[in-house]
């Protein structure tokens, strides 16, 4: 497989740089290789997380349709609720 890589500069905090370096050393790979692996993982995981989230929403839709929820939605009740939670 032919690899075509392009150099990319990013700014990291000292803490991020140290953590990357320590992990790369522990895994026996270069920091650049670790960054590539982490990016690949994040890109794949991001789409899987979205698919999982959408599936969960789809499965749960309408689950509580038989539950009767009785609560007041007037402005006064909403204001009282917001005041109450604001004091916590």
N, C-alpha and C. Protein backbone atom coordinates (compact mmCIF):
# COMPACT_ATOMS: atom_id res chain seq x y z
N UNK A 1 0.84 -1.18 0.00
CA UNK A 1 0.00 0.00 0.00
C UNK A 1 0.88 1.24 0.00
N UNK A 2 0.58 2.17 -0.85
CA UNK A 2 1.34 3.40 -0.96
C UNK A 2 0.73 4.45 -0.03
N UNK A 3 1.56 5.00 0.83
CA UNK A 3 1.09 5.99 1.79
C UNK A 3 1.45 7.39 1.32
N UNK A 4 0.53 8.25 1.29
CA UNK A 4 0.78 9.65 0.98
C UNK A 4 0.44 10.45 2.23
N UNK A 5 1.44 11.00 2.86
CA UNK A 5 1.21 11.77 4.09
C UNK A 5 1.60 13.21 3.85
N UNK A 6 0.87 14.08 4.49
CA UNK A 6 1.17 15.50 4.43
C UNK A 6 1.43 16.00 5.84
N UNK A 7 2.39 16.86 5.94
CA UNK A 7 2.74 17.43 7.24
C UNK A 7 1.66 18.41 7.66
N UNK A 8 1.27 18.32 8.93
CA UNK A 8 0.27 19.21 9.50
C UNK A 8 0.77 19.70 10.84
N UNK A 9 0.72 20.98 11.03
CA UNK A 9 1.15 21.57 12.31
C UNK A 9 -0.08 21.85 13.16
N UNK A 10 0.01 21.51 14.44
CA UNK A 10 -1.05 21.81 15.39
C UNK A 10 -0.43 22.39 16.65
N UNK A 11 -1.21 23.12 17.38
CA UNK A 11 -0.75 23.68 18.65
C UNK A 11 -1.32 22.85 19.79
N UNK A 12 -0.46 22.44 20.70
CA UNK A 12 -0.85 21.66 21.87
C UNK A 12 -0.39 22.37 23.13
N UNK A 13 -1.11 22.13 24.21
CA UNK A 13 -0.65 22.65 25.49
C UNK A 13 0.54 21.80 25.94
N UNK A 14 1.27 22.29 26.90
CA UNK A 14 2.40 21.51 27.44
C UNK A 14 1.91 20.18 28.01
N UNK A 15 0.74 20.22 28.65
CA UNK A 15 0.19 19.01 29.24
C UNK A 15 -0.20 17.99 28.17
N UNK A 16 -0.80 18.46 27.09
CA UNK A 16 -1.17 17.55 25.99
C UNK A 16 0.07 16.93 25.36
N UNK A 17 1.07 17.75 25.14
CA UNK A 17 2.31 17.27 24.53
C UNK A 17 2.98 16.23 25.42
N UNK A 18 3.03 16.49 26.71
CA UNK A 18 3.64 15.54 27.65
C UNK A 18 2.87 14.23 27.70
N UNK A 19 1.54 14.32 27.72
CA UNK A 19 0.71 13.12 27.76
C UNK A 19 0.87 12.29 26.49
N UNK A 20 0.90 12.95 25.34
CA UNK A 20 1.11 12.24 24.07
C UNK A 20 2.47 11.56 24.05
N UNK A 21 3.48 12.29 24.47
CA UNK A 21 4.83 11.74 24.48
C UNK A 21 4.94 10.52 25.40
N UNK A 22 4.35 10.63 26.59
CA UNK A 22 4.40 9.52 27.55
C UNK A 22 3.67 8.30 27.00
N UNK A 23 2.52 8.52 26.41
CA UNK A 23 1.75 7.37 25.87
C UNK A 23 2.46 6.75 24.67
N UNK A 24 3.01 7.58 23.80
CA UNK A 24 3.74 7.06 22.65
C UNK A 24 4.93 6.23 23.10
N UNK A 25 5.65 6.71 24.08
CA UNK A 25 6.79 5.97 24.62
C UNK A 25 6.33 4.64 25.21
N UNK A 26 5.24 4.67 25.98
CA UNK A 26 4.71 3.45 26.59
C UNK A 26 4.28 2.43 25.54
N UNK A 27 3.77 2.91 24.41
CA UNK A 27 3.31 2.01 23.35
C UNK A 27 4.41 1.66 22.36
N UNK A 28 5.57 2.31 22.51
CA UNK A 28 6.71 2.02 21.64
C UNK A 28 6.53 2.53 20.22
N UNK A 29 5.81 3.64 20.07
CA UNK A 29 5.60 4.24 18.75
C UNK A 29 5.95 5.71 18.81
N UNK A 30 6.04 6.32 17.65
CA UNK A 30 6.32 7.76 17.61
C UNK A 30 5.08 8.54 18.01
N UNK A 31 5.30 9.77 18.42
CA UNK A 31 4.18 10.63 18.76
C UNK A 31 3.30 10.86 17.53
N UNK A 32 3.92 11.02 16.37
CA UNK A 32 3.16 11.22 15.14
C UNK A 32 2.26 10.02 14.85
N UNK A 33 2.79 8.81 15.03
CA UNK A 33 1.98 7.61 14.80
C UNK A 33 0.83 7.55 15.80
N UNK A 34 1.08 7.89 17.05
CA UNK A 34 0.02 7.90 18.05
C UNK A 34 -1.07 8.89 17.66
N UNK A 35 -0.69 10.08 17.23
CA UNK A 35 -1.67 11.09 16.83
C UNK A 35 -2.50 10.57 15.66
N UNK A 36 -1.86 9.95 14.68
CA UNK A 36 -2.61 9.39 13.54
C UNK A 36 -3.61 8.33 14.01
N UNK A 37 -3.17 7.45 14.90
CA UNK A 37 -4.06 6.40 15.41
C UNK A 37 -5.23 6.99 16.19
N UNK A 38 -4.96 7.99 17.02
CA UNK A 38 -6.02 8.62 17.80
C UNK A 38 -7.02 9.33 16.89
N UNK A 39 -6.53 9.97 15.85
CA UNK A 39 -7.43 10.63 14.90
C UNK A 39 -8.28 9.60 14.17
N UNK A 40 -7.66 8.52 13.71
CA UNK A 40 -8.41 7.46 13.04
C UNK A 40 -9.50 6.91 13.96
N UNK A 41 -9.14 6.66 15.20
CA UNK A 41 -10.10 6.12 16.16
C UNK A 41 -11.24 7.10 16.39
N UNK A 42 -10.93 8.37 16.56
CA UNK A 42 -11.95 9.39 16.81
C UNK A 42 -12.89 9.52 15.62
N UNK A 43 -12.36 9.45 14.42
CA UNK A 43 -13.20 9.58 13.23
C UNK A 43 -14.15 8.40 13.08
N UNK A 44 -13.68 7.21 13.36
CA UNK A 44 -14.53 6.02 13.27
C UNK A 44 -15.51 5.99 14.44
N UNK A 45 -15.02 6.25 15.64
CA UNK A 45 -15.87 6.20 16.83
C UNK A 45 -16.96 7.26 16.76
N UNK A 46 -16.65 8.41 16.21
CA UNK A 46 -17.65 9.46 16.10
C UNK A 46 -18.85 9.02 15.30
N UNK A 47 -18.62 8.35 14.18
CA UNK A 47 -19.75 7.91 13.36
C UNK A 47 -20.47 6.75 14.03
N UNK A 48 -19.76 5.89 14.72
CA UNK A 48 -20.41 4.79 15.43
C UNK A 48 -21.24 5.31 16.60
N UNK A 49 -20.71 6.31 17.31
CA UNK A 49 -21.45 6.89 18.43
C UNK A 49 -22.75 7.52 17.93
N UNK A 50 -22.69 8.22 16.81
CA UNK A 50 -23.88 8.84 16.25
C UNK A 50 -24.89 7.78 15.85
N UNK A 51 -24.43 6.73 15.20
CA UNK A 51 -25.34 5.66 14.79
C UNK A 51 -25.98 5.00 16.01
N UNK A 52 -25.19 4.77 17.06
CA UNK A 52 -25.72 4.19 18.29
C UNK A 52 -26.75 5.11 18.94
N UNK A 53 -26.44 6.40 18.98
CA UNK A 53 -27.37 7.37 19.57
C UNK A 53 -28.69 7.41 18.79
N UNK A 54 -28.60 7.43 17.48
CA UNK A 54 -29.81 7.46 16.67
C UNK A 54 -30.62 6.18 16.82
N UNK A 55 -29.95 5.06 16.93
CA UNK A 55 -30.64 3.78 17.14
C UNK A 55 -31.36 3.78 18.49
N UNK A 56 -30.71 4.31 19.51
CA UNK A 56 -31.33 4.37 20.85
C UNK A 56 -32.56 5.27 20.84
N UNK A 57 -32.47 6.38 20.14
CA UNK A 57 -33.62 7.28 20.04
C UNK A 57 -34.76 6.58 19.31
N UNK A 58 -34.42 5.91 18.22
CA UNK A 58 -35.43 5.21 17.43
C UNK A 58 -36.14 4.14 18.25
N UNK A 59 -35.37 3.36 19.01
CA UNK A 59 -35.94 2.28 19.82
C UNK A 59 -36.81 2.83 20.94
N UNK A 60 -36.40 3.94 21.52
CA UNK A 60 -37.12 4.47 22.68
C UNK A 60 -38.30 5.35 22.32
N UNK A 61 -38.42 5.72 21.06
CA UNK A 61 -39.51 6.61 20.66
C UNK A 61 -40.87 5.98 20.95
N UNK A 62 -41.70 6.69 21.67
CA UNK A 62 -43.04 6.23 21.97
C UNK A 62 -43.16 5.28 23.15
N UNK A 63 -42.06 5.00 23.84
CA UNK A 63 -42.10 4.05 24.96
C UNK A 63 -43.04 4.52 26.06
N UNK A 64 -43.11 5.79 26.30
CA UNK A 64 -43.93 6.32 27.39
C UNK A 64 -45.27 6.88 26.92
N UNK A 65 -45.73 6.47 25.75
CA UNK A 65 -46.96 7.04 25.22
C UNK A 65 -48.17 6.73 26.09
N UNK A 66 -48.13 5.67 26.88
CA UNK A 66 -49.25 5.30 27.74
C UNK A 66 -49.16 5.96 29.11
N UNK A 67 -48.06 6.63 29.41
CA UNK A 67 -47.88 7.26 30.72
C UNK A 67 -48.55 8.63 30.71
N UNK A 68 -49.41 8.86 31.70
CA UNK A 68 -50.08 10.14 31.82
C UNK A 68 -49.29 11.00 32.79
N UNK A 69 -48.72 12.07 32.28
CA UNK A 69 -47.93 12.98 33.10
C UNK A 69 -48.77 14.22 33.36
N UNK A 70 -49.00 14.49 34.64
CA UNK A 70 -49.81 15.63 35.02
C UNK A 70 -48.93 16.67 35.70
N UNK A 71 -48.68 17.75 35.01
CA UNK A 71 -47.91 18.83 35.61
C UNK A 71 -48.38 20.16 35.03
N UNK A 72 -48.14 21.20 35.78
CA UNK A 72 -48.55 22.54 35.41
C UNK A 72 -47.50 23.17 34.52
N UNK A 73 -47.94 23.78 33.42
CA UNK A 73 -47.02 24.42 32.49
C UNK A 73 -47.21 25.94 32.44
N UNK A 74 -47.94 26.48 33.36
CA UNK A 74 -48.17 27.93 33.32
C UNK A 74 -46.86 28.67 33.60
N UNK A 75 -46.81 29.92 33.21
CA UNK A 75 -45.61 30.72 33.41
C UNK A 75 -45.23 30.82 34.88
N UNK A 76 -46.24 30.92 35.75
CA UNK A 76 -45.96 31.02 37.17
C UNK A 76 -45.27 29.77 37.70
N UNK A 77 -45.76 28.60 37.31
CA UNK A 77 -45.15 27.35 37.74
C UNK A 77 -43.74 27.20 37.18
N UNK A 78 -43.56 27.59 35.94
CA UNK A 78 -42.22 27.51 35.33
C UNK A 78 -41.25 28.42 36.07
N UNK A 79 -41.70 29.63 36.37
CA UNK A 79 -40.86 30.57 37.09
C UNK A 79 -40.48 30.06 38.47
N UNK A 80 -41.45 29.48 39.17
CA UNK A 80 -41.18 28.93 40.50
C UNK A 80 -40.16 27.78 40.40
N UNK A 81 -40.33 26.96 39.40
CA UNK A 81 -39.39 25.85 39.22
C UNK A 81 -37.97 26.38 38.94
N UNK A 82 -37.87 27.35 38.06
CA UNK A 82 -36.56 27.90 37.74
C UNK A 82 -35.92 28.56 38.96
N UNK A 83 -36.72 29.23 39.76
CA UNK A 83 -36.21 29.83 41.00
C UNK A 83 -35.71 28.74 41.95
N UNK A 84 -36.49 27.66 42.07
CA UNK A 84 -36.14 26.56 42.96
C UNK A 84 -34.82 25.92 42.56
N UNK A 85 -34.66 25.62 41.28
CA UNK A 85 -33.42 24.95 40.86
C UNK A 85 -32.24 25.93 40.85
N UNK A 86 -32.54 27.21 40.74
CA UNK A 86 -31.48 28.21 40.79
C UNK A 86 -30.84 28.34 42.16
N UNK A 87 -31.58 27.93 43.20
CA UNK A 87 -31.09 28.01 44.58
C UNK A 87 -30.21 26.82 44.96
N UNK A 88 -30.22 25.78 44.16
CA UNK A 88 -29.45 24.58 44.51
C UNK A 88 -27.97 24.82 44.46
